C-alpha atoms as a PDB file:
ATOM      1  CA  MET A   1       0.000   0.000   0.000  1.00  0.00           C
ATOM      2  CA  ALA A   2       1.244   3.459  -0.832  1.00  0.00           C
ATOM      3  CA  SER A   3       2.240   5.905   1.889  1.00  0.00           C
ATOM      4  CA  GLY A   4       0.260   8.860   0.538  1.00  0.00           C
ATOM      5  CA  GLU A   5       3.247  11.171   0.941  1.00  0.00           C
ATOM      6  CA  LEU A   6       3.713  11.828  -2.779  1.00  0.00           C
ATOM      7  CA  ASN A   7      -0.021  11.976  -3.554  1.00  0.00           C
ATOM      8  CA  PRO A   8      -1.729  13.290  -0.403  1.00  0.00           C
ATOM      9  CA  ALA A   9      -5.543  13.030  -0.363  1.00  0.00           C
ATOM     10  CA  ASP A  10      -6.041  16.794  -0.565  1.00  0.00           C
ATOM     11  CA  GLY A  11      -9.102  16.999  -2.811  1.00  0.00           C
ATOM     12  CA  THR A  12      -7.222  17.450  -6.091  1.00  0.00           C
ATOM     13  CA  TYR A  13      -8.247  15.236  -9.006  1.00  0.00           C
ATOM     14  CA  LEU A  14      -4.787  13.792  -9.687  1.00  0.00           C
ATOM     15  CA  ASN A  15      -4.071  12.989  -6.034  1.00  0.00           C
ATOM     16  CA  GLU A  16      -7.421  11.259  -5.487  1.00  0.00           C
ATOM     17  CA  PHE A  17      -7.889   9.570  -8.884  1.00  0.00           C
ATOM     18  CA  ARG A  18      -9.422   6.134  -8.168  1.00  0.00           C
ATOM     19  CA  ILE A  19      -8.355   6.402  -4.530  1.00  0.00           C
ATOM     20  CA  HIS A  20     -10.644   3.592  -3.349  1.00  0.00           C
ATOM     21  CA  GLU A  21      -9.616   1.014  -5.964  1.00  0.00           C
ATOM     22  CA  GLY A  22      -7.154  -1.804  -5.315  1.00  0.00           C
ATOM     23  CA  VAL A  23      -4.361  -0.842  -7.700  1.00  0.00           C
ATOM     24  CA  ASP A  24      -2.658   2.397  -6.720  1.00  0.00           C
ATOM     25  CA  THR A  25      -2.253   5.084  -9.336  1.00  0.00           C
ATOM     26  CA  SER A  26       0.166   7.965  -9.495  1.00  0.00           C
ATOM     27  CA  TYR A  27       1.096  10.638 -12.015  1.00  0.00           C
ATOM     28  CA  SER A  28       4.281  12.162 -13.370  1.00  0.00           C
ATOM     29  CA  LYS A  29       5.535  15.069 -11.276  1.00  0.00           C
ATOM     30  CA  PHE A  30       8.284  17.502 -12.261  1.00  0.00           C
ATOM     31  CA  ASN A  31       9.961  20.530 -10.672  1.00  0.00           C
ATOM     32  CA  ARG A  32       8.939  19.620  -7.111  1.00  0.00           C
ATOM     33  CA  LYS A  33      11.015  21.362  -4.466  1.00  0.00           C
ATOM     34  CA  PRO A  34      12.859  20.473  -2.283  1.00  0.00           C
ATOM     35  CA  ASP A  35      12.601  16.841  -3.449  1.00  0.00           C
ATOM     36  CA  PRO A  36      12.445  16.239  -7.208  1.00  0.00           C
ATOM     37  CA  ILE A  37      10.280  13.191  -7.868  1.00  0.00           C
ATOM     38  CA  ASP A  38      10.263  12.338 -11.571  1.00  0.00           C
ATOM     39  CA  ASP A  39      13.095  14.637 -12.666  1.00  0.00           C
ATOM     40  CA  ASN A  40      15.610  12.087 -13.895  1.00  0.00           C
ATOM     41  CA  PRO A  41      18.561  13.083 -16.099  1.00  0.00           C
ATOM     42  CA  TYR A  42      18.843   9.460 -17.307  1.00  0.00           C
ATOM     43  CA  ASP A  43      15.336   9.193 -18.792  1.00  0.00           C
ATOM     44  CA  LYS A  44      15.463   8.424 -22.505  1.00  0.00           C
ATOM     45  CA  ILE A  45      11.800   9.347 -22.867  1.00  0.00           C
ATOM     46  CA  VAL A  46      10.262  12.001 -20.637  1.00  0.00           C
ATOM     47  CA  PRO A  47       6.513  11.571 -20.142  1.00  0.00           C
ATOM     48  CA  PRO A  48       4.182  14.573 -20.171  1.00  0.00           C
ATOM     49  CA  GLN A  49       3.655  16.224 -16.809  1.00  0.00           C
ATOM     50  CA  ASP A  50       0.611  14.998 -14.831  1.00  0.00           C
ATOM     51  CA  LEU A  51       0.366  11.769 -16.877  1.00  0.00           C
ATOM     52  CA  PRO A  52      -1.461   9.101 -14.807  1.00  0.00           C
ATOM     53  CA  TYR A  53       0.178   5.688 -14.488  1.00  0.00           C
ATOM     54  CA  VAL A  54      -0.058   2.546 -12.368  1.00  0.00           C
ATOM     55  CA  GLY A  55       2.116   3.307  -9.389  1.00  0.00           C
ATOM     56  CA  TRP A  56       2.126   0.241  -7.152  1.00  0.00           C
ATOM     57  CA  THR A  57       0.633  -3.230  -7.288  1.00  0.00           C
ATOM     58  CA  GLU A  58       0.662  -6.188  -4.957  1.00  0.00           C
ATOM     59  CA  PRO A  59       0.688  -9.871  -5.920  1.00  0.00           C
ATOM     60  CA  GLY A  60      -2.828 -10.954  -6.843  1.00  0.00           C
ATOM     61  CA  GLU A  61      -4.058  -7.518  -7.936  1.00  0.00           C
ATOM     62  CA  TRP A  62      -5.560  -7.365 -11.425  1.00  0.00           C
ATOM     63  CA  LEU A  63      -5.482  -4.631 -14.034  1.00  0.00           C
ATOM     64  CA  ASN A  64      -8.065  -4.147 -16.753  1.00  0.00           C
ATOM     65  CA  ARG A  65      -6.710  -2.312 -19.758  1.00  0.00           C
ATOM     66  CA  ARG A  66      -8.659  -0.801 -22.598  1.00  0.00           C
ATOM     67  CA  VAL A  67      -7.058   0.135 -25.894  1.00  0.00           C
ATOM     68  CA  VAL A  68      -8.939   2.489 -28.195  1.00  0.00           C
ATOM     69  CA  THR A  69      -7.923   2.543 -31.849  1.00  0.00           C
ATOM     70  CA  LYS A  70      -9.189   4.415 -34.898  1.00  0.00           C
ATOM     71  CA  SER A  71      -9.480   1.246 -36.986  1.00  0.00           C
ATOM     72  CA  SER A  72      -8.985  -2.486 -36.722  1.00  0.00           C
ATOM     73  CA  ARG A  73      -6.550  -3.507 -39.431  1.00  0.00           C
ATOM     74  CA  VAL A  74      -5.822  -7.194 -39.418  1.00  0.00           C
END
């Protein structure tokens, strides 16, 4: 279970996104002072700021993923 230190339940959408679901979510955070969180000089690809992602999972937790495409080319 996550500590809640990086995403405190403060009423903001990104910090409370799916807060009561099993899999914990987070989002990319840049330019946080005094502790940079996602500022990494070694990243080959830098995600957009505030991009949601699966943060933490525990054994036995399931994820449902949905992929939306413009067409189905087979």
